[in-house]
Amino acid sequence: MIEQEKGTHPMARPGKELIPAPAPIPLTESLTIQLTLCGQDLEHFNEYREAVHALNPDNWSTELKQAFTGANDQRGYYSPIKATAGEALASALYEQAEAQLRTRAAD
């Protein structure tokens, strides 16, 4: 068995280590983004809102609060929806912010 050098990718050839891409320069000033959600982005937002609402125990019925398996089922069903929709929204926000930053840099 071939030992892997520390910090190398298992499939990288010696001397051909992967080099991570440089991170974007952190923003130091406020960034105001006008966000327009439509189509699939709007669907993700609605899914996220529904999941956040459904995961908040303040919105649960008395029966659901008293049923341990019901509460676990509620969390098990809505937590992945919230995570997936949140990632999609973060991606949409990132894309719009980057487009705005590119426009600002071109001026």
Protein backbone atom coordinates (compact mmCIF):
# COMPACT_ATOMS: atom_id res chain seq x y z
CA MET A 1 0.00 0.00 0.00
CA ILE A 2 1.32 3.45 -0.93
CA GLU A 3 1.40 5.98 1.91
CA GLN A 4 -0.21 9.30 1.21
CA GLU A 5 1.85 12.40 1.88
CA LYS A 6 0.29 14.82 4.32
CA GLY A 7 -1.71 17.53 2.56
CA THR A 8 -1.97 15.77 -0.79
CA HIS A 9 -5.04 14.52 -2.56
CA PRO A 10 -5.16 10.71 -2.75
CA MET A 11 -5.32 10.80 -6.58
CA ALA A 12 -2.70 13.54 -7.03
CA ARG A 13 0.61 12.53 -8.55
CA PRO A 14 3.77 13.47 -6.65
CA GLY A 15 4.66 17.06 -7.42
CA LYS A 16 1.11 17.69 -8.73
CA GLU A 17 -0.65 18.56 -5.46
CA LEU A 18 -3.97 20.34 -5.76
CA ILE A 19 -3.78 24.06 -5.10
CA PRO A 20 -6.92 25.58 -3.59
CA ALA A 21 -8.43 28.55 -5.38
CA PRO A 22 -7.83 31.86 -3.61
CA ALA A 23 -10.76 33.06 -1.51
CA PRO A 24 -12.52 36.25 -2.58
CA ILE A 25 -11.39 39.40 -0.84
CA PRO A 26 -13.61 39.97 2.22
CA LEU A 27 -16.01 42.88 1.97
CA THR A 28 -15.19 45.70 4.37
CA GLU A 29 -18.04 48.04 3.49
CA SER A 30 -21.78 47.57 3.73
CA LEU A 31 -23.37 45.98 0.71
CA THR A 32 -26.99 46.69 -0.07
CA ILE A 33 -28.55 44.19 -2.39
CA GLN A 34 -31.89 44.59 -4.06
CA LEU A 35 -33.04 41.01 -4.29
CA THR A 36 -35.74 39.95 -6.70
CA LEU A 37 -36.99 36.41 -6.26
CA CYS A 38 -38.91 34.76 -9.06
CA GLY A 39 -39.34 31.31 -10.51
CA GLN A 40 -37.39 28.62 -8.73
CA ASP A 41 -35.80 31.10 -6.30
CA LEU A 42 -39.28 32.14 -5.16
CA GLU A 43 -40.21 28.47 -4.75
CA HIS A 44 -37.12 27.95 -2.56
CA PHE A 45 -38.06 30.99 -0.49
CA ASN A 46 -41.58 29.67 0.04
CA GLU A 47 -40.22 26.24 1.01
CA TYR A 48 -37.81 27.88 3.45
CA ARG A 49 -40.57 30.00 5.02
CA GLU A 50 -42.82 26.96 5.37
CA ALA A 51 -40.03 24.92 6.97
CA VAL A 52 -39.06 27.69 9.41
CA HIS A 53 -42.71 28.08 10.39
CA ALA A 54 -43.19 24.32 10.76
CA LEU A 55 -40.02 23.89 12.84
CA ASN A 56 -40.96 26.60 15.35
CA PRO A 57 -42.59 24.87 18.36
CA ASP A 58 -44.66 28.02 18.96
CA ASN A 59 -46.59 27.10 15.79
CA TRP A 60 -47.21 23.47 16.76
CA SER A 61 -50.58 22.18 17.85
CA THR A 62 -50.98 20.93 21.41
CA GLU A 63 -51.25 17.39 20.06
CA LEU A 64 -47.98 17.69 18.17
CA LYS A 65 -46.20 19.15 21.21
CA GLN A 66 -47.39 16.22 23.34
CA ALA A 67 -46.53 13.54 20.78
CA PHE A 68 -42.79 12.87 20.96
CA THR A 69 -42.76 10.94 17.68
CA GLY A 70 -44.88 13.64 16.04
CA ALA A 71 -42.37 16.33 16.99
CA ASN A 72 -39.48 14.16 15.78
CA ASP A 73 -41.32 13.48 12.52
CA GLN A 74 -41.95 17.21 12.13
CA ARG A 75 -38.27 17.99 12.60
CA GLY A 76 -37.16 15.08 10.44
CA TYR A 77 -39.39 16.16 7.56
CA TYR A 78 -38.82 19.93 7.61
CA SER A 79 -35.15 20.21 8.65
CA PRO A 80 -33.78 18.90 5.31
CA ILE A 81 -36.24 21.12 3.39
CA LYS A 82 -35.04 24.14 5.35
CA ALA A 83 -31.38 23.28 4.74
CA THR A 84 -31.81 22.66 1.00
CA ALA A 85 -33.95 25.74 0.44
CA GLY A 86 -31.58 27.83 2.56
CA GLU A 87 -28.61 26.75 0.48
CA ALA A 88 -30.47 27.61 -2.73
CA LEU A 89 -31.38 31.05 -1.35
CA ALA A 90 -27.81 31.65 -0.22
CA SER A 91 -26.64 30.74 -3.71
CA ALA A 92 -29.11 33.16 -5.30
CA LEU A 93 -28.01 35.89 -2.90
CA TYR A 94 -24.35 35.15 -3.62
CA GLU A 95 -24.90 35.33 -7.39
CA GLN A 96 -26.73 38.64 -7.16
CA ALA A 97 -24.12 40.11 -4.81
CA GLU A 98 -21.26 39.01 -7.07
CA ALA A 99 -23.02 40.47 -10.13
CA GLN A 100 -23.46 43.75 -8.26
CA LEU A 101 -19.80 43.76 -7.20
CA ARG A 102 -18.65 43.07 -10.77
CA THR A 103 -20.83 45.93 -12.04
CA ARG A 104 -19.43 48.23 -9.34
CA ALA A 105 -15.83 47.25 -10.25
CA ALA A 106 -16.46 47.88 -13.97
CA ASP A 107 -17.62 51.46 -13.33
